[in-house]
Amino acid sequence: MRTGTRTTALRWAVRAAIAVVAMCTLTAPASATWSANNCNGGGSDIATWKRSQAKDYAQRDSNEGYEWGGGCFKLNDQDDTPNQPDSGGEGTDCSGLVFKTWALPADGRNDFRQWDHQKEIHGPFSTASFYSPAASNPFKTIAKGYPSTSSMDAFVYRTSDGDAGHIGMLYSEGSGGSDYIIESRGDSYGTGIWYEDYRSSSAFRAVMREGWTPECYPRCAKA
């Protein structure tokens, strides 16, 4: 194993441990109040969803909060519940952000359902779901090379014991195995865009949502 790969794996093992600790921390009453007062959005089935629409959707969540198991953003360009390993605060966790950005229905259908940023929903998929997709899931693993991936595909990591993981979406390509990734990263980071080496790390797999609407729609040239 290359030194860089070992370093990345160690870094993510540490982050995973921190995440597990955060999950066991008692709820802060103020955070629960924040969620109750701000998460009043809904969702609706839609016929089409393009990668560019998903990118715009996720970008609006940048600079907002992080919430393990959560799913609500206020969109005021700040983390309203920073540094709190809470329940009921602002933000999604990493897999919740992918669920909402990919417009995945909560019942697992391979259709599109657009969720309001203010809708408190995580969805049924964990990092384990993205790391090893079932045949019935509306996403699949793909090759990690630059020719194989496109904007809003994701890179997902899972610990060998299956206890923790992380997933982030490809915001824009970089070089040398690194890219700009949009992700819900943790309580002390919130949600944002960082330059990460997930593509070159053997700890990560690439995964793609199925059924994206072509960017040319509804004016795609007929064959």
Protein backbone atom coordinates (compact mmCIF):
# COMPACT_ATOMS: atom_id res chain seq x y z
CA MET A 1 0.00 0.00 0.00
CA ARG A 2 1.33 3.42 -0.94
CA THR A 3 2.13 5.91 1.83
CA GLY A 4 -0.51 8.34 0.59
CA THR A 5 -3.15 5.63 0.68
CA ARG A 6 -2.19 4.60 4.21
CA THR A 7 -2.35 8.25 5.29
CA THR A 8 -5.79 8.71 3.77
CA ALA A 9 -7.12 5.50 5.32
CA LEU A 10 -5.75 6.51 8.74
CA ARG A 11 -7.25 9.98 8.41
CA TRP A 12 -10.64 8.54 7.65
CA ALA A 13 -10.38 6.00 10.45
CA VAL A 14 -9.83 8.91 12.85
CA ARG A 15 -12.77 10.82 11.36
CA ALA A 16 -14.94 7.71 11.65
CA ALA A 17 -14.03 7.35 15.31
CA ILE A 18 -14.94 10.99 15.93
CA ALA A 19 -18.25 10.44 14.16
CA VAL A 20 -19.06 7.47 16.35
CA VAL A 21 -18.30 9.51 19.46
CA ALA A 22 -20.53 12.29 18.16
CA MET A 23 -23.37 9.82 17.61
CA CYS A 24 -23.25 8.86 21.31
CA THR A 25 -23.37 12.41 22.65
CA LEU A 26 -26.52 13.55 24.41
CA THR A 27 -28.91 15.84 22.58
CA ALA A 28 -28.74 19.57 23.23
CA PRO A 29 -32.25 20.93 23.90
CA ALA A 30 -31.55 24.12 21.94
CA SER A 31 -30.78 22.10 18.80
CA ALA A 32 -34.03 20.15 19.01
CA THR A 33 -35.82 23.48 19.23
CA TRP A 34 -33.99 24.71 16.13
CA SER A 35 -35.17 21.74 14.08
CA ALA A 36 -38.76 22.03 15.26
CA ASN A 37 -38.80 25.72 14.39
CA ASN A 38 -37.10 25.60 10.99
CA CYS A 39 -37.70 22.25 9.27
CA ASN A 40 -41.10 22.73 7.66
CA GLY A 41 -40.45 21.81 4.02
CA GLY A 42 -41.96 19.10 1.84
CA GLY A 43 -41.25 17.07 -1.26
CA SER A 44 -42.81 16.34 -4.63
CA ASP A 45 -42.38 13.82 -7.43
CA ILE A 46 -40.73 15.27 -10.53
CA ALA A 47 -40.32 13.84 -14.03
CA THR A 48 -36.74 14.94 -14.70
CA TRP A 49 -33.56 15.69 -12.76
CA LYS A 50 -30.27 16.67 -14.39
CA ARG A 51 -26.76 16.54 -12.97
CA SER A 52 -26.56 20.31 -13.33
CA GLN A 53 -29.74 20.72 -11.29
CA ALA A 54 -28.32 18.44 -8.61
CA LYS A 55 -25.10 20.47 -8.53
CA ASP A 56 -27.02 23.72 -8.11
CA TYR A 57 -29.12 22.12 -5.38
CA ALA A 58 -26.09 20.92 -3.41
CA GLN A 59 -24.23 24.20 -3.85
CA ARG A 60 -27.03 26.01 -2.03
CA ASP A 61 -26.29 23.82 1.00
CA SER A 62 -22.61 24.80 1.02
CA ASN A 63 -21.58 26.74 4.15
CA GLU A 64 -24.57 25.38 6.06
CA GLY A 65 -24.57 22.88 8.94
CA TYR A 66 -24.05 19.17 9.56
CA GLU A 67 -26.44 16.92 11.44
CA TRP A 68 -25.95 13.19 11.91
CA GLY A 69 -29.17 11.54 10.75
CA GLY A 70 -30.71 14.91 9.93
CA GLY A 71 -31.88 16.55 6.76
CA CYS A 72 -32.83 20.22 7.05
CA PHE A 73 -31.02 23.37 5.85
CA LYS A 74 -32.07 26.96 6.50
CA LEU A 75 -30.01 28.35 3.58
CA ASN A 76 -28.74 31.46 5.35
CA ASP A 77 -25.08 30.81 4.43
CA GLN A 78 -24.07 29.82 7.95
CA ASP A 79 -24.13 26.85 10.30
CA ASP A 80 -26.92 27.57 12.79
CA THR A 81 -25.86 24.76 15.18
CA PRO A 82 -22.05 24.60 14.87
CA ASN A 83 -19.80 22.17 16.77
CA GLN A 84 -22.75 20.34 18.28
CA PRO A 85 -22.92 16.53 17.97
CA ASP A 86 -26.64 16.94 18.35
CA SER A 87 -30.00 15.64 17.24
CA GLY A 88 -32.40 18.13 15.76
CA GLY A 89 -29.85 20.67 14.54
CA GLU A 90 -29.20 22.12 11.09
CA GLY A 91 -27.95 20.08 8.18
CA THR A 92 -27.75 16.57 6.80
CA ASP A 93 -25.07 13.99 7.34
CA CYS A 94 -23.00 12.82 4.36
CA SER A 95 -25.40 10.13 3.10
CA GLY A 96 -28.43 12.34 3.74
CA LEU A 97 -26.95 15.05 1.52
CA VAL A 98 -26.50 12.56 -1.32
CA PHE A 99 -30.05 11.26 -0.85
CA LYS A 100 -31.56 14.73 -1.20
CA THR A 101 -29.18 15.95 -3.92
CA TRP A 102 -29.80 12.89 -6.07
CA ALA A 103 -33.59 13.40 -5.68
CA LEU A 104 -34.02 9.84 -4.45
CA PRO A 105 -37.50 8.73 -3.32
CA ALA A 106 -37.73 7.45 0.24
CA ASP A 107 -39.28 4.17 -0.91
CA GLY A 108 -36.27 3.21 -3.07
CA ARG A 109 -37.90 3.70 -6.47
CA ASN A 110 -35.69 4.67 -9.42
CA ASP A 111 -37.69 7.84 -9.96
CA PHE A 112 -37.11 11.44 -8.94
CA ARG A 113 -38.49 13.18 -5.88
CA GLN A 114 -37.34 16.71 -5.16
CA TRP A 115 -36.98 17.55 -1.49
CA ASP A 116 -37.16 21.08 -0.13
CA HIS A 117 -33.94 22.13 1.59
CA GLN A 118 -36.07 22.79 4.66
CA LYS A 119 -37.50 19.23 4.66
CA GLU A 120 -36.28 17.16 7.61
CA ILE A 121 -35.53 13.81 5.94
CA HIS A 122 -32.47 11.59 5.75
CA GLY A 123 -33.70 8.79 3.52
CA PRO A 124 -33.19 5.02 3.86
CA PHE A 125 -29.61 4.85 2.57
CA SER A 126 -26.45 4.77 4.70
CA THR A 127 -22.86 4.82 3.49
CA ALA A 128 -23.05 1.01 3.58
CA SER A 129 -25.88 1.18 1.02
CA PHE A 130 -23.80 3.31 -1.34
CA TYR A 131 -20.60 1.31 -0.77
CA SER A 132 -22.24 -2.03 -1.65
CA PRO A 133 -25.44 -1.23 -3.57
CA ALA A 134 -28.17 -3.83 -3.81
CA ALA A 135 -29.41 -4.67 -7.29
CA SER A 136 -32.67 -2.93 -6.48
CA ASN A 137 -31.01 0.36 -5.47
CA PRO A 138 -31.21 3.28 -7.95
CA PHE A 139 -27.41 3.65 -7.93
CA LYS A 140 -24.38 1.49 -8.70
CA THR A 141 -20.61 1.43 -8.31
CA ILE A 142 -18.50 2.55 -11.28
CA ALA A 143 -14.83 2.81 -12.19
CA LYS A 144 -12.97 5.61 -10.39
CA GLY A 145 -10.90 6.99 -13.27
CA TYR A 146 -11.52 10.46 -14.67
CA PRO A 147 -12.99 9.10 -17.95
CA SER A 148 -15.60 7.12 -15.99
CA THR A 149 -17.00 9.75 -13.63
CA SER A 150 -19.09 12.87 -14.11
CA SER A 151 -20.27 15.77 -12.01
CA MET A 152 -22.32 14.66 -8.97
CA ASP A 153 -21.10 11.08 -9.00
CA ALA A 154 -19.91 10.18 -5.52
CA PHE A 155 -16.94 8.65 -3.72
CA VAL A 156 -17.82 6.49 -0.72
CA TYR A 157 -15.73 5.01 2.09
CA ARG A 158 -16.64 2.35 4.64
CA THR A 159 -14.55 1.01 7.52
CA SER A 160 -13.55 -2.64 7.31
CA ASP A 161 -15.69 -3.46 10.36
CA GLY A 162 -18.67 -1.69 8.79
CA ASP A 163 -19.24 0.62 11.74
CA ALA A 164 -18.70 3.98 10.00
CA GLY A 165 -18.09 5.60 6.64
CA HIS A 166 -18.28 8.74 4.54
CA ILE A 167 -19.53 9.83 1.13
CA GLY A 168 -19.03 13.03 -0.87
CA MET A 169 -20.06 14.10 -4.37
CA LEU A 170 -17.85 15.19 -7.25
CA TYR A 171 -18.38 18.94 -7.58
CA SER A 172 -15.67 19.48 -10.19
CA GLU A 173 -12.71 17.49 -11.43
CA GLY A 174 -9.21 18.25 -10.24
CA SER A 175 -6.07 16.38 -11.24
CA GLY A 176 -3.67 13.74 -10.00
CA GLY A 177 -6.37 11.79 -8.21
CA SER A 178 -7.93 14.70 -6.30
CA ASP A 179 -11.12 16.66 -6.94
CA TYR A 180 -13.37 19.31 -5.50
CA ILE A 181 -15.91 17.42 -3.39
CA ILE A 182 -19.15 18.76 -1.94
CA GLU A 183 -19.98 16.96 1.28
CA SER A 184 -21.53 17.14 4.71
CA ARG A 185 -18.31 16.59 6.57
CA GLY A 186 -18.92 16.82 10.32
CA ASP A 187 -20.09 18.96 13.22
CA SER A 188 -16.95 21.07 13.29
CA TYR A 189 -16.92 21.53 9.49
CA GLY A 190 -20.54 21.70 8.39
CA THR A 191 -21.37 21.25 4.71
CA GLY A 192 -19.07 22.66 2.03
CA ILE A 193 -16.65 22.07 -0.83
CA TRP A 194 -13.13 20.77 -0.22
CA TYR A 195 -10.27 19.52 -2.39
CA GLU A 196 -9.98 15.82 -1.52
CA ASP A 197 -7.99 12.77 -2.66
CA TYR A 198 -10.92 10.35 -2.53
CA ARG A 199 -10.45 9.31 -6.15
CA SER A 200 -6.88 8.11 -5.61
CA SER A 201 -7.51 6.49 -2.23
CA SER A 202 -8.07 2.75 -2.31
CA ALA A 203 -10.40 3.17 0.67
CA PHE A 204 -13.03 4.84 -1.54
CA ARG A 205 -15.29 3.50 -4.27
CA ALA A 206 -17.09 5.53 -6.93
CA VAL A 207 -20.88 5.32 -7.16
CA MET A 208 -23.36 6.77 -9.65
CA ARG A 209 -27.05 7.54 -9.45
CA GLU A 210 -28.93 5.82 -12.26
CA GLY A 211 -31.41 7.49 -14.59
CA TRP A 212 -30.08 11.05 -14.78
CA THR A 213 -31.99 13.19 -17.26
CA PRO A 214 -29.70 14.20 -20.18
CA GLU A 215 -28.46 17.79 -20.04
CA CYS A 216 -29.83 18.41 -23.52
CA TYR A 217 -33.40 17.61 -22.47
CA PRO A 218 -35.94 18.61 -23.78
CA ARG A 219 -34.05 19.60 -26.92
CA CYS A 220 -31.92 16.50 -27.42
CA ALA A 221 -31.24 15.70 -31.07
CA LYS A 222 -33.05 12.62 -32.32
CA ALA A 223 -30.91 9.76 -33.60
